């Protein structure tokens, strides 16, 4: 059974940084695409970043390009999201997700079958 669990959220001032982690079990990154999504109150869940091909391919949503970096440690089965230059509009619950469709890296929630409980990121102005 695939399970993923996020950690690392918190409260940070605008311009600050946070690193989110996602520990995965029941899968190997070679066989999965991994994604980060976020959902702010009253808004739809949106894709943030995706990584596949054992970390060789990454994709970012336009609002986070140049500020966020996704990476993974295959030995630790852990996914990371380094978030720099944070803005108040980045405030949201952040979710890690796994997709068995390892060849595709799209920011579509429907592609991802396994989800974590989320970790809250709050950016103050």
PDB file of N, CA and C in Angstrom:
ATOM      1  N   UNK A   1       0.850  -1.197   0.000  1.00  0.00           N
ATOM      2  CA  UNK A   1       0.000   0.000   0.000  1.00  0.00           C
ATOM      3  C   UNK A   1       0.883   1.243   0.000  1.00  0.00           C
ATOM      4  N   UNK A   2       0.600   2.137  -0.936  1.00  0.00           N
ATOM      5  CA  UNK A   2       1.377   3.367  -1.036  1.00  0.00           C
ATOM      6  C   UNK A   2       0.889   4.369   0.011  1.00  0.00           C
ATOM      7  N   UNK A   3       1.836   4.923   0.737  1.00  0.00           N
ATOM      8  CA  UNK A   3       1.508   5.969   1.693  1.00  0.00           C
ATOM      9  C   UNK A   3       2.529   7.081   1.581  1.00  0.00           C
ATOM     10  N   UNK A   4       2.051   8.309   1.690  1.00  0.00           N
ATOM     11  CA  UNK A   4       2.932   9.471   1.673  1.00  0.00           C
ATOM     12  C   UNK A   4       2.537  10.387   2.826  1.00  0.00           C
ATOM     13  N   UNK A   5       3.535  11.062   3.397  1.00  0.00           N
ATOM     14  CA  UNK A   5       3.267  11.921   4.531  1.00  0.00           C
ATOM     15  C   UNK A   5       4.154  13.156   4.457  1.00  0.00           C
ATOM     16  N   UNK A   6       3.514  14.323   4.522  1.00  0.00           N
ATOM     17  CA  UNK A   6       4.222  15.586   4.419  1.00  0.00           C
ATOM     18  C   UNK A   6       4.647  16.106   5.786  1.00  0.00           C
ATOM     19  N   UNK A   7       5.673  16.921   5.790  1.00  0.00           N
ATOM     20  CA  UNK A   7       6.113  17.628   6.992  1.00  0.00           C
ATOM     21  C   UNK A   7       6.873  18.867   6.565  1.00  0.00           C
ATOM     22  N   UNK A   8       7.116  19.764   7.523  1.00  0.00           N
ATOM     23  CA  UNK A   8       7.953  20.917   7.251  1.00  0.00           C
ATOM     24  C   UNK A   8       7.229  22.234   7.086  1.00  0.00           C
ATOM     25  N   UNK A   9       5.906  22.202   7.118  1.00  0.00           N
ATOM     26  CA  UNK A   9       5.170  23.450   7.003  1.00  0.00           C
ATOM     27  C   UNK A   9       5.354  24.328   8.230  1.00  0.00           C
ATOM     28  N   UNK A  10       4.856  25.552   8.141  1.00  0.00           N
ATOM     29  CA  UNK A  10       4.953  26.463   9.265  1.00  0.00           C
ATOM     30  C   UNK A  10       4.601  27.875   8.878  1.00  0.00           C
ATOM     31  N   UNK A  11       4.919  28.791   9.784  1.00  0.00           N
ATOM     32  CA  UNK A  11       4.661  30.215   9.579  1.00  0.00           C
ATOM     33  C   UNK A  11       5.979  30.899   9.249  1.00  0.00           C
ATOM     34  N   UNK A  12       5.981  31.670   8.187  1.00  0.00           N
ATOM     35  CA  UNK A  12       7.201  32.362   7.767  1.00  0.00           C
ATOM     36  C   UNK A  12       6.821  33.735   7.240  1.00  0.00           C
ATOM     37  N   UNK A  13       7.738  34.679   7.353  1.00  0.00           N
ATOM     38  CA  UNK A  13       7.498  36.016   6.811  1.00  0.00           C
ATOM     39  C   UNK A  13       7.727  36.028   5.308  1.00  0.00           C
ATOM     40  N   UNK A  14       7.084  36.960   4.653  1.00  0.00           N
ATOM     41  CA  UNK A  14       7.280  37.123   3.210  1.00  0.00           C
ATOM     42  C   UNK A  14       8.769  37.306   2.921  1.00  0.00           C
ATOM     43  N   UNK A  15       9.221  36.639   1.878  1.00  0.00           N
ATOM     44  CA  UNK A  15      10.629  36.675   1.524  1.00  0.00           C
ATOM     45  C   UNK A  15      11.440  35.552   2.136  1.00  0.00           C
ATOM     46  N   UNK A  16      10.843  34.838   3.065  1.00  0.00           N
ATOM     47  CA  UNK A  16      11.535  33.745   3.734  1.00  0.00           C
ATOM     48  C   UNK A  16      11.485  32.444   2.964  1.00  0.00           C
ATOM     49  N   UNK A  17      11.998  31.401   3.597  1.00  0.00           N
ATOM     50  CA  UNK A  17      12.092  30.087   2.954  1.00  0.00           C
ATOM     51  C   UNK A  17      11.574  28.991   3.876  1.00  0.00           C
ATOM     52  N   UNK A  18      11.107  27.930   3.263  1.00  0.00           N
ATOM     53  CA  UNK A  18      10.736  26.708   3.961  1.00  0.00           C
ATOM     54  C   UNK A  18      11.097  25.533   3.065  1.00  0.00           C
ATOM     55  N   UNK A  19      11.371  24.403   3.695  1.00  0.00           N
ATOM     56  CA  UNK A  19      11.547  23.172   2.928  1.00  0.00           C
ATOM     57  C   UNK A  19      10.550  22.138   3.420  1.00  0.00           C
ATOM     58  N   UNK A  20       9.709  21.700   2.508  1.00  0.00           N
ATOM     59  CA  UNK A  20       8.757  20.639   2.805  1.00  0.00           C
ATOM     60  C   UNK A  20       9.380  19.293   2.464  1.00  0.00           C
ATOM     61  N   UNK A  21       9.006  18.293   3.256  1.00  0.00           N
ATOM     62  CA  UNK A  21       9.439  16.929   3.000  1.00  0.00           C
ATOM     63  C   UNK A  21       8.228  16.030   2.855  1.00  0.00           C
ATOM     64  N   UNK A  22       8.407  14.966   2.102  1.00  0.00           N
ATOM     65  CA  UNK A  22       7.348  13.976   1.921  1.00  0.00           C
ATOM     66  C   UNK A  22       8.006  12.600   1.960  1.00  0.00           C
ATOM     67  N   UNK A  23       7.714  11.858   3.011  1.00  0.00           N
ATOM     68  CA  UNK A  23       8.252  10.506   3.095  1.00  0.00           C
ATOM     69  C   UNK A  23       7.253   9.534   2.482  1.00  0.00           C
ATOM     70  N   UNK A  24       7.756   8.635   1.665  1.00  0.00           N
ATOM     71  CA  UNK A  24       6.898   7.703   0.944  1.00  0.00           C
ATOM     72  C   UNK A  24       7.227   6.265   1.332  1.00  0.00           C
ATOM     73  N   UNK A  25       6.193   5.436   1.397  1.00  0.00           N
ATOM     74  CA  UNK A  25       6.380   4.010   1.629  1.00  0.00           C
ATOM     75  C   UNK A  25       5.500   3.242   0.664  1.00  0.00           C
ATOM     76  N   UNK A  26       5.897   2.007   0.392  1.00  0.00           N
ATOM     77  CA  UNK A  26       5.126   1.179  -0.519  1.00  0.00           C
ATOM     78  C   UNK A  26       5.360   1.484  -1.988  1.00  0.00           C
ATOM     79  N   UNK A  27       6.395   2.253  -2.277  1.00  0.00           N
ATOM     80  CA  UNK A  27       6.705   2.567  -3.661  1.00  0.00           C
ATOM     81  C   UNK A  27       8.200   2.831  -3.800  1.00  0.00           C
ATOM     82  N   UNK A  28       8.663   2.781  -5.017  1.00  0.00           N
ATOM     83  CA  UNK A  28      10.009   3.257  -5.330  1.00  0.00           C
ATOM     84  C   UNK A  28       9.866   4.373  -6.345  1.00  0.00           C
ATOM     85  N   UNK A  29      10.680   5.386  -6.213  1.00  0.00           N
ATOM     86  CA  UNK A  29      10.542   6.554  -7.067  1.00  0.00           C
ATOM     87  C   UNK A  29      10.772   6.230  -8.546  1.00  0.00           C
ATOM     88  N   UNK A  30      11.501   5.148  -8.825  1.00  0.00           N
ATOM     89  CA  UNK A  30      11.697   4.764 -10.219  1.00  0.00           C
ATOM     90  C   UNK A  30      10.375   4.477 -10.920  1.00  0.00           C
ATOM     91  N   UNK A  31       9.392   4.040 -10.156  1.00  0.00           N
ATOM     92  CA  UNK A  31       8.134   3.571 -10.746  1.00  0.00           C
ATOM     93  C   UNK A  31       6.995   4.572 -10.627  1.00  0.00           C
ATOM     94  N   UNK A  32       7.273   5.751 -10.059  1.00  0.00           N
ATOM     95  CA  UNK A  32       6.210   6.709  -9.804  1.00  0.00           C
ATOM     96  C   UNK A  32       6.624   8.111 -10.228  1.00  0.00           C
ATOM     97  N   UNK A  33       5.625   8.902 -10.567  1.00  0.00           N
ATOM     98  CA  UNK A  33       5.784  10.346 -10.638  1.00  0.00           C
ATOM     99  C   UNK A  33       5.282  10.910  -9.307  1.00  0.00           C
ATOM    100  N   UNK A  34       5.949  11.921  -8.810  1.00  0.00           N
ATOM    101  CA  UNK A  34       5.578  12.532  -7.537  1.00  0.00           C
ATOM    102  C   UNK A  34       5.229  13.999  -7.751  1.00  0.00           C
ATOM    103  N   UNK A  35       4.237  14.458  -7.029  1.00  0.00           N
ATOM    104  CA  UNK A  35       3.808  15.835  -7.219  1.00  0.00           C
ATOM    105  C   UNK A  35       3.558  16.566  -5.911  1.00  0.00           C
ATOM    106  N   UNK A  36       3.628  17.867  -5.993  1.00  0.00           N
ATOM    107  CA  UNK A  36       3.218  18.757  -4.903  1.00  0.00           C
ATOM    108  C   UNK A  36       2.032  19.583  -5.395  1.00  0.00           C
ATOM    109  N   UNK A  37       1.024  19.651  -4.554  1.00  0.00           N
ATOM    110  CA  UNK A  37      -0.163  20.446  -4.824  1.00  0.00           C
ATOM    111  C   UNK A  37      -0.426  21.336  -3.617  1.00  0.00           C
ATOM    112  N   UNK A  38      -1.267  22.344  -3.816  1.00  0.00           N
ATOM    113  CA  UNK A  38      -1.642  23.186  -2.679  1.00  0.00           C
ATOM    114  C   UNK A  38      -3.091  23.627  -2.824  1.00  0.00           C
ATOM    115  N   UNK A  39      -3.680  23.935  -1.692  1.00  0.00           N
ATOM    116  CA  UNK A  39      -5.061  24.403  -1.694  1.00  0.00           C
ATOM    117  C   UNK A  39      -5.220  25.466  -0.620  1.00  0.00           C
ATOM    118  N   UNK A  40      -5.605  26.652  -1.075  1.00  0.00           N
ATOM    119  CA  UNK A  40      -5.888  27.762  -0.171  1.00  0.00           C
ATOM    120  C   UNK A  40      -7.374  27.753   0.164  1.00  0.00           C
ATOM    121  N   UNK A  41      -7.753  28.317   1.308  1.00  0.00           N
ATOM    122  CA  UNK A  41      -9.176  28.340   1.690  1.00  0.00           C
ATOM    123  C   UNK A  41     -10.032  28.974   0.603  1.00  0.00           C
ATOM    124  N   UNK A  42     -11.105  28.291   0.244  1.00  0.00           N
ATOM    125  CA  UNK A  42     -12.023  28.815  -0.752  1.00  0.00           C
ATOM    126  C   UNK A  42     -11.560  28.698  -2.186  1.00  0.00           C
ATOM    127  N   UNK A  43     -10.427  28.043  -2.395  1.00  0.00           N
ATOM    128  CA  UNK A  43      -9.888  27.904  -3.758  1.00  0.00           C
ATOM    129  C   UNK A  43      -9.755  26.440  -4.138  1.00  0.00           C
ATOM    130  N   UNK A  44      -9.634  26.212  -5.434  1.00  0.00           N
ATOM    131  CA  UNK A  44      -9.427  24.867  -5.940  1.00  0.00           C
ATOM    132  C   UNK A  44      -7.997  24.412  -5.627  1.00  0.00           C
ATOM    133  N   UNK A  45      -7.839  23.089  -5.535  1.00  0.00           N
ATOM    134  CA  UNK A  45      -6.482  22.543  -5.397  1.00  0.00           C
ATOM    135  C   UNK A  45      -5.725  22.786  -6.687  1.00  0.00           C
ATOM    136  N   UNK A  46      -4.488  23.235  -6.575  1.00  0.00           N
ATOM    137  CA  UNK A  46      -3.694  23.518  -7.770  1.00  0.00           C
ATOM    138  C   UNK A  46      -2.355  22.806  -7.703  1.00  0.00           C
ATOM    139  N   UNK A  47      -1.870  22.419  -8.867  1.00  0.00           N
ATOM    140  CA  UNK A  47      -0.567  21.782  -8.942  1.00  0.00           C
ATOM    141  C   UNK A  47       0.542  22.794  -8.760  1.00  0.00           C
ATOM    142  N   UNK A  48       1.586  22.382  -8.062  1.00  0.00           N
ATOM    143  CA  UNK A  48       2.740  23.244  -7.814  1.00  0.00           C
ATOM    144  C   UNK A  48       3.958  22.748  -8.582  1.00  0.00           C
ATOM    145  N   UNK A  49       4.250  21.450  -8.430  1.00  0.00           N
ATOM    146  CA  UNK A  49       5.446  20.910  -9.062  1.00  0.00           C
ATOM    147  C   UNK A  49       5.300  19.408  -9.207  1.00  0.00           C
ATOM    148  N   UNK A  50       6.043  18.857 -10.161  1.00  0.00           N
ATOM    149  CA  UNK A  50       6.013  17.433 -10.414  1.00  0.00           C
ATOM    150  C   UNK A  50       7.435  16.977 -10.738  1.00  0.00           C
ATOM    151  N   UNK A  51       7.740  15.726 -10.396  1.00  0.00           N
ATOM    152  CA  UNK A  51       9.058  15.175 -10.689  1.00  0.00           C
ATOM    153  C   UNK A  51       8.894  13.718 -11.062  1.00  0.00           C
ATOM    154  N   UNK A  52       9.601  13.271 -12.100  1.00  0.00           N
ATOM    155  CA  UNK A  52       9.545  11.864 -12.485  1.00  0.00           C
ATOM    156  C   UNK A  52      10.855  11.459 -13.130  1.00  0.00           C
ATOM    157  N   UNK A  53      10.846  10.284 -13.772  1.00  0.00           N
ATOM    158  CA  UNK A  53      12.076   9.740 -14.361  1.00  0.00           C
ATOM    159  C   UNK A  53      13.195   9.718 -13.326  1.00  0.00           C
ATOM    160  N   UNK A  54      12.862   9.203 -12.148  1.00  0.00           N
ATOM    161  CA  UNK A  54      13.808   9.067 -11.037  1.00  0.00           C
ATOM    162  C   UNK A  54      14.474  10.389 -10.684  1.00  0.00           C
ATOM    163  N   UNK A  55      13.744  11.464 -10.845  1.00  0.00           N
ATOM    164  CA  UNK A  55      14.258  12.780 -10.519  1.00  0.00           C
ATOM    165  C   UNK A  55      14.874  13.518 -11.673  1.00  0.00           C
ATOM    166  N   UNK A  56      14.890  12.883 -12.847  1.00  0.00           N
ATOM    167  CA  UNK A  56      15.533  13.511 -13.983  1.00  0.00           C
ATOM    168  C   UNK A  56      14.689  14.538 -14.701  1.00  0.00           C
ATOM    169  N   UNK A  57      13.406  14.572 -14.409  1.00  0.00           N
ATOM    170  CA  UNK A  57      12.510  15.516 -15.058  1.00  0.00           C
ATOM    171  C   UNK A  57      11.685  16.238 -14.002  1.00  0.00           C
ATOM    172  N   UNK A  58      11.607  17.551 -14.129  1.00  0.00           N
ATOM    173  CA  UNK A  58      10.809  18.338 -13.189  1.00  0.00           C
ATOM    174  C   UNK A  58       9.937  19.325 -13.953  1.00  0.00           C
ATOM    175  N   UNK A  59       8.859  19.730 -13.308  1.00  0.00           N
ATOM    176  CA  UNK A  59       7.918  20.655 -13.936  1.00  0.00           C
ATOM    177  C   UNK A  59       7.341  21.544 -12.843  1.00  0.00           C
ATOM    178  N   UNK A  60       7.153  22.823 -13.170  1.00  0.00           N
ATOM    179  CA  UNK A  60       6.670  23.776 -12.173  1.00  0.00           C
ATOM    180  C   UNK A  60       5.505  24.596 -12.724  1.00  0.00           C
ATOM    181  N   UNK A  61       4.596  24.932 -11.841  1.00  0.00           N
ATOM    182  CA  UNK A  61       3.550  25.877 -12.205  1.00  0.00           C
ATOM    183  C   UNK A  61       4.162  27.269 -12.328  1.00  0.00           C
ATOM    184  N   UNK A  62       3.588  28.079 -13.193  1.00  0.00           N
ATOM    185  CA  UNK A  62       4.146  29.408 -13.452  1.00  0.00           C
ATOM    186  C   UNK A  62       4.318  30.263 -12.192  1.00  0.00           C
ATOM    187  N   UNK A  63       3.368  30.265 -11.260  1.00  0.00           N
ATOM    188  CA  UNK A  63       3.513  31.155 -10.087  1.00  0.00           C
ATOM    189  C   UNK A  63       4.718  30.846  -9.199  1.00  0.00           C
ATOM    190  N   UNK A  64       5.281  29.632  -9.327  1.00  0.00           N
ATOM    191  CA  UNK A  64       6.378  29.258  -8.434  1.00  0.00           C
ATOM    192  C   UNK A  64       7.704  29.080  -9.164  1.00  0.00           C
ATOM    193  N   UNK A  65       7.697  29.182 -10.466  1.00  0.00           N
ATOM    194  CA  UNK A  65       8.936  29.013 -11.226  1.00  0.00           C
ATOM    195  C   UNK A  65       9.994  30.000 -10.770  1.00  0.00           C
ATOM    196  N   UNK A  66      11.190  29.487 -10.580  1.00  0.00           N
ATOM    197  CA  UNK A  66      12.297  30.328 -10.148  1.00  0.00           C
ATOM    198  C   UNK A  66      12.373  30.521  -8.654  1.00  0.00           C
ATOM    199  N   UNK A  67      11.331  30.109  -7.919  1.00  0.00           N
ATOM    200  CA  UNK A  67      11.331  30.254  -6.460  1.00  0.00           C
ATOM    201  C   UNK A  67      11.306  28.903  -5.753  1.00  0.00           C
ATOM    202  N   UNK A  68      10.640  27.933  -6.330  1.00  0.00           N
ATOM    203  CA  UNK A  68      10.508  26.621  -5.712  1.00  0.00           C
ATOM    204  C   UNK A  68      11.373  25.615  -6.481  1.00  0.00           C
ATOM    205  N   UNK A  69      11.913  24.646  -5.744  1.00  0.00           N
ATOM    206  CA  UNK A  69      12.697  23.582  -6.350  1.00  0.00           C
ATOM    207  C   UNK A  69      12.264  22.243  -5.775  1.00  0.00           C
ATOM    208  N   UNK A  70      11.900  21.314  -6.649  1.00  0.00           N
ATOM    209  CA  UNK A  70      11.524  19.971  -6.222  1.00  0.00           C
ATOM    210  C   UNK A  70      12.723  19.050  -6.406  1.00  0.00           C
ATOM    211  N   UNK A  71      12.878  18.128  -5.465  1.00  0.00           N
ATOM    212  CA  UNK A  71      13.965  17.157  -5.570  1.00  0.00           C
ATOM    213  C   UNK A  71      13.557  15.897  -4.810  1.00  0.00           C
ATOM    214  N   UNK A  72      14.322  14.859  -4.975  1.00  0.00           N
ATOM    215  CA  UNK A  72      14.016  13.635  -4.248  1.00  0.00           C
ATOM    216  C   UNK A  72      15.296  12.902  -3.902  1.00  0.00           C
ATOM    217  N   UNK A  73      15.241  12.205  -2.787  1.00  0.00           N
ATOM    218  CA  UNK A  73      16.343  11.361  -2.343  1.00  0.00           C
ATOM    219  C   UNK A  73      15.860   9.927  -2.502  1.00  0.00           C
ATOM    220  N   UNK A  74      16.328   9.254  -3.544  1.00  0.00           N
ATOM    221  CA  UNK A  74      15.828   7.917  -3.841  1.00  0.00           C
ATOM    222  C   UNK A  74      16.184   6.915  -2.738  1.00  0.00           C
ATOM    223  N   UNK A  75      17.335   7.097  -2.123  1.00  0.00           N
ATOM    224  CA  UNK A  75      17.750   6.177  -1.066  1.00  0.00           C
ATOM    225  C   UNK A  75      16.856   6.297   0.171  1.00  0.00           C
ATOM    226  N   UNK A  76      16.361   7.514   0.431  1.00  0.00           N
ATOM    227  CA  UNK A  76      15.519   7.740   1.599  1.00  0.00           C
ATOM    228  C   UNK A  76      14.033   7.707   1.261  1.00  0.00           C
ATOM    229  N   UNK A  77      13.718   7.538  -0.017  1.00  0.00           N
ATOM    230  CA  UNK A  77      12.313   7.587  -0.457  1.00  0.00           C
ATOM    231  C   UNK A  77      11.625   8.853   0.053  1.00  0.00           C
ATOM    232  N   UNK A  78      12.312   9.951  -0.085  1.00  0.00           N
ATOM    233  CA  UNK A  78      11.806  11.227   0.405  1.00  0.00           C
ATOM    234  C   UNK A  78      11.821  12.270  -0.703  1.00  0.00           C
ATOM    235  N   UNK A  79      10.727  12.967  -0.799  1.00  0.00           N
ATOM    236  CA  UNK A  79      10.541  14.047  -1.766  1.00  0.00           C
ATOM    237  C   UNK A  79      10.647  15.367  -1.014  1.00  0.00           C
ATOM    238  N   UNK A  80      11.209  16.376  -1.678  1.00  0.00           N
ATOM    239  CA  UNK A  80      11.373  17.685  -1.052  1.00  0.00           C
ATOM    240  C   UNK A  80      10.796  18.791  -1.937  1.00  0.00           C
ATOM    241  N   UNK A  81      10.408  19.857  -1.287  1.00  0.00           N
ATOM    242  CA  UNK A  81      10.045  21.075  -2.014  1.00  0.00           C
ATOM    243  C   UNK A  81      10.703  22.238  -1.281  1.00  0.00           C
ATOM    244  N   UNK A  82      11.746  22.781  -1.875  1.00  0.00           N
ATOM    245  CA  UNK A  82      12.416  23.953  -1.320  1.00  0.00           C
ATOM    246  C   UNK A  82      11.691  25.186  -1.830  1.00  0.00           C
ATOM    247  N   UNK A  83      11.206  25.993  -0.908  1.00  0.00           N
ATOM    248  CA  UNK A  83      10.417  27.164  -1.268  1.00  0.00           C
ATOM    249  C   UNK A  83      11.156  28.416  -0.788  1.00  0.00           C
ATOM    250  N   UNK A  84      11.569  29.234  -1.732  1.00  0.00           N
ATOM    251  CA  UNK A  84      12.284  30.474  -1.429  1.00  0.00           C
ATOM    252  C   UNK A  84      11.446  31.674  -1.861  1.00  0.00           C
ATOM    253  N   UNK A  85      11.815  32.828  -1.364  1.00  0.00           N
ATOM    254  CA  UNK A  85      11.129  34.082  -1.719  1.00  0.00           C
ATOM    255  C   UNK A  85       9.621  33.934  -1.580  1.00  0.00           C
ATOM    256  N   UNK A  86       9.209  33.402  -0.461  1.00  0.00           N
ATOM    257  CA  UNK A  86       7.787  33.120  -0.270  1.00  0.00           C
ATOM    258  C   UNK A  86       6.962  34.403  -0.224  1.00  0.00           C
ATOM    259  N   UNK A  87       5.751  34.282  -0.740  1.00  0.00           N
ATOM    260  CA  UNK A  87       4.815  35.399  -0.817  1.00  0.00           C
ATOM    261  C   UNK A  87       3.550  35.045  -0.044  1.00  0.00           C
ATOM    262  N   UNK A  88       2.811  36.041   0.419  1.00  0.00           N
ATOM    263  CA  UNK A  88       1.555  35.747   1.115  1.00  0.00           C
ATOM    264  C   UNK A  88       0.611  34.876   0.285  1.00  0.00           C
ATOM    265  N   UNK A  89       0.643  35.029  -1.019  1.00  0.00           N
ATOM    266  CA  UNK A  89      -0.237  34.217  -1.874  1.00  0.00           C
ATOM    267  C   UNK A  89       0.197  32.756  -1.961  1.00  0.00           C
ATOM    268  N   UNK A  90       1.334  32.414  -1.384  1.00  0.00           N
ATOM    269  CA  UNK A  90       1.744  31.006  -1.307  1.00  0.00           C
ATOM    270  C   UNK A  90       1.098  30.301  -0.120  1.00  0.00           C
ATOM    271  N   UNK A  91       0.400  31.059   0.719  1.00  0.00           N
ATOM    272  CA  UNK A  91      -0.260  30.460   1.879  1.00  0.00           C
ATOM    273  C   UNK A  91      -1.300  29.444   1.442  1.00  0.00           C
ATOM    274  N   UNK A  92      -1.166  28.227   1.955  1.00  0.00           N
ATOM    275  CA  UNK A  92      -2.067  27.134   1.560  1.00  0.00           C
ATOM    276  C   UNK A  92      -1.702  25.879   2.339  1.00  0.00           C
ATOM    277  N   UNK A  93      -2.559  24.887   2.235  1.00  0.00           N
ATOM    278  CA  UNK A  93      -2.210  23.538   2.664  1.00  0.00           C
ATOM    279  C   UNK A  93      -1.487  22.893   1.489  1.00  0.00           C
ATOM    280  N   UNK A  94      -0.335  22.321   1.769  1.00  0.00           N
ATOM    281  CA  UNK A  94       0.468  21.694   0.722  1.00  0.00           C
ATOM    282  C   UNK A  94       0.386  20.180   0.846  1.00  0.00           C
ATOM    283  N   UNK A  95       0.165  19.531  -0.293  1.00  0.00           N
ATOM    284  CA  UNK A  95      -0.005  18.087  -0.338  1.00  0.00           C
ATOM    285  C   UNK A  95       1.038  17.450  -1.239  1.00  0.00           C
ATOM    286  N   UNK A  96       1.473  16.286  -0.810  1.00  0.00           N
ATOM    287  CA  UNK A  96       2.332  15.432  -1.616  1.00  0.00           C
ATOM    288  C   UNK A  96       1.447  14.335  -2.220  1.00  0.00           C
ATOM    289  N   UNK A  97       1.758  13.931  -3.441  1.00  0.00           N
ATOM    290  CA  UNK A  97       0.949  12.910  -4.096  1.00  0.00           C
ATOM    291  C   UNK A  97       1.819  12.039  -4.981  1.00  0.00           C
ATOM    292  N   UNK A  98       1.362  10.795  -5.196  1.00  0.00           N
ATOM    293  CA  UNK A  98       2.103   9.833  -6.011  1.00  0.00           C
ATOM    294  C   UNK A  98       1.228   9.332  -7.144  1.00  0.00           C
ATOM    295  N   UNK A  99       1.852   9.203  -8.315  1.00  0.00           N
ATOM    296  CA  UNK A  99       1.153   8.706  -9.498  1.00  0.00           C
ATOM    297  C   UNK A  99       1.895   7.516 -10.072  1.00  0.00           C
ATOM    298  N   UNK A 100       1.156   6.423 -10.345  1.00  0.00           N
ATOM    299  CA  UNK A 100       1.756   5.229 -10.928  1.00  0.00           C
ATOM    300  C   UNK A 100       2.129   5.470 -12.391  1.00  0.00           C
ATOM    301  N   UNK A 101       1.574   6.503 -12.987  1.00  0.00           N
ATOM    302  CA  UNK A 101       1.885   6.842 -14.380  1.00  0.00           C
ATOM    303  C   UNK A 101       3.211   7.594 -14.406  1.00  0.00           C
ATOM    304  N   UNK A 102       4.291   6.813 -14.224  1.00  0.00           N
ATOM    305  CA  UNK A 102       5.600   7.425 -13.996  1.00  0.00           C
ATOM    306  C   UNK A 102       6.117   8.208 -15.192  1.00  0.00           C
ATOM    307  N   UNK A 103       5.604   7.903 -16.378  1.00  0.00           N
ATOM    308  CA  UNK A 103       6.144   8.540 -17.583  1.00  0.00           C
ATOM    309  C   UNK A 103       5.602   9.940 -17.802  1.00  0.00           C
ATOM    310  N   UNK A 104       4.523  10.272 -17.111  1.00  0.00           N
ATOM    311  CA  UNK A 104       3.924  11.588 -17.306  1.00  0.00           C
ATOM    312  C   UNK A 104       4.077  12.435 -16.058  1.00  0.00           C
ATOM    313  N   UNK A 105       4.347  13.695 -16.265  1.00  0.00           N
ATOM    314  CA  UNK A 105       4.518  14.630 -15.161  1.00  0.00           C
ATOM    315  C   UNK A 105       3.628  15.824 -15.463  1.00  0.00           C
ATOM    316  N   UNK A 106       2.383  15.723 -15.034  1.00  0.00           N
ATOM    317  CA  UNK A 106       1.417  16.788 -15.273  1.00  0.00           C
ATOM    318  C   UNK A 106       0.866  17.252 -13.941  1.00  0.00           C
ATOM    319  N   UNK A 107       0.503  18.469 -13.870  1.00  0.00           N
ATOM    320  CA  UNK A 107      -0.024  19.017 -12.627  1.00  0.00           C
ATOM    321  C   UNK A 107      -1.541  18.866 -12.584  1.00  0.00           C
ATOM    322  N   UNK A 108      -1.978  17.626 -12.790  1.00  0.00           N
ATOM    323  CA  UNK A 108      -3.400  17.327 -12.741  1.00  0.00           C
ATOM    324  C   UNK A 108      -3.666  16.405 -11.565  1.00  0.00           C
ATOM    325  N   UNK A 109      -4.492  16.827 -10.658  1.00  0.00           N
ATOM    326  CA  UNK A 109      -4.760  16.031  -9.460  1.00  0.00           C
ATOM    327  C   UNK A 109      -5.311  14.657  -9.801  1.00  0.00           C
ATOM    328  N   UNK A 110      -6.047  14.566 -10.891  1.00  0.00           N
ATOM    329  CA  UNK A 110      -6.655  13.291 -11.267  1.00  0.00           C
ATOM    330  C   UNK A 110      -5.623  12.236 -11.636  1.00  0.00           C
ATOM    331  N   UNK A 111      -4.406  12.647 -11.957  1.00  0.00           N
ATOM    332  CA  UNK A 111      -3.349  11.696 -12.304  1.00  0.00           C
ATOM    333  C   UNK A 111      -2.806  10.979 -11.076  1.00  0.00           C
ATOM    334  N   UNK A 112      -3.035  11.540  -9.906  1.00  0.00           N
ATOM    335  CA  UNK A 112      -2.396  11.084  -8.678  1.00  0.00           C
ATOM    336  C   UNK A 112      -3.397  10.350  -7.797  1.00  0.00           C
ATOM    337  N   UNK A 113      -3.048   9.111  -7.444  1.00  0.00           N
ATOM    338  CA  UNK A 113      -3.977   8.274  -6.687  1.00  0.00           C
ATOM    339  C   UNK A 113      -3.714   8.281  -5.187  1.00  0.00           C
ATOM    340  N   UNK A 114      -2.483   8.581  -4.783  1.00  0.00           N
ATOM    341  CA  UNK A 114      -2.121   8.494  -3.365  1.00  0.00           C
ATOM    342  C   UNK A 114      -1.756   9.877  -2.854  1.00  0.00           C
ATOM    343  N   UNK A 115      -2.382  10.266  -1.767  1.00  0.00           N
ATOM    344  CA  UNK A 115      -2.233  11.614  -1.228  1.00  0.00           C
ATOM    345  C   UNK A 115      -1.902  11.577   0.257  1.00  0.00           C
ATOM    346  N   UNK A 116      -1.133  12.574   0.689  1.00  0.00           N
ATOM    347  CA  UNK A 116      -0.889  12.753   2.110  1.00  0.00           C
ATOM    348  C   UNK A 116      -1.972  13.613   2.736  1.00  0.00           C
ATOM    349  N   UNK A 117      -1.818  13.856   4.031  1.00  0.00           N
ATOM    350  CA  UNK A 117      -2.804  14.641   4.782  1.00  0.00           C
ATOM    351  C   UNK A 117      -2.568  16.140   4.642  1.00  0.00           C
ATOM    352  N   UNK A 118      -1.392  16.515   4.187  1.00  0.00           N
ATOM    353  CA  UNK A 118      -1.104  17.929   3.986  1.00  0.00           C
ATOM    354  C   UNK A 118      -0.319  18.553   5.128  1.00  0.00           C
ATOM    355  N   UNK A 119       0.374  19.629   4.803  1.00  0.00           N
ATOM    356  CA  UNK A 119       1.095  20.414   5.797  1.00  0.00           C
ATOM    357  C   UNK A 119       0.831  21.888   5.498  1.00  0.00           C
ATOM    358  N   UNK A 120       0.522  22.649   6.526  1.00  0.00           N
ATOM    359  CA  UNK A 120       0.103  24.042   6.338  1.00  0.00           C
ATOM    360  C   UNK A 120       1.312  24.951   6.207  1.00  0.00           C
ATOM    361  N   UNK A 121       1.255  25.802   5.193  1.00  0.00           N
ATOM    362  CA  UNK A 121       2.256  26.847   4.999  1.00  0.00           C
ATOM    363  C   UNK A 121       1.537  28.192   5.083  1.00  0.00           C
ATOM    364  N   UNK A 122       1.993  29.050   5.971  1.00  0.00           N
ATOM    365  CA  UNK A 122       1.412  30.370   6.126  1.00  0.00           C
ATOM    366  C   UNK A 122       2.507  31.415   5.987  1.00  0.00           C
ATOM    367  N   UNK A 123       2.304  32.331   5.046  1.00  0.00           N
ATOM    368  CA  UNK A 123       3.286  33.377   4.792  1.00  0.00           C
ATOM    369  C   UNK A 123       2.671  34.710   5.198  1.00  0.00           C
ATOM    370  N   UNK A 124       3.281  35.370   6.144  1.00  0.00           N
ATOM    371  CA  UNK A 124       2.771  36.656   6.615  1.00  0.00           C
ATOM    372  C   UNK A 124       3.414  37.802   5.859  1.00  0.00           C
ATOM    373  N   UNK A 125       2.659  38.859   5.694  1.00  0.00           N
ATOM    374  CA  UNK A 125       3.170  40.018   4.933  1.00  0.00           C
ATOM    375  C   UNK A 125       3.863  41.010   5.853  1.00  0.00           C
TER     376      UNK A 125
END
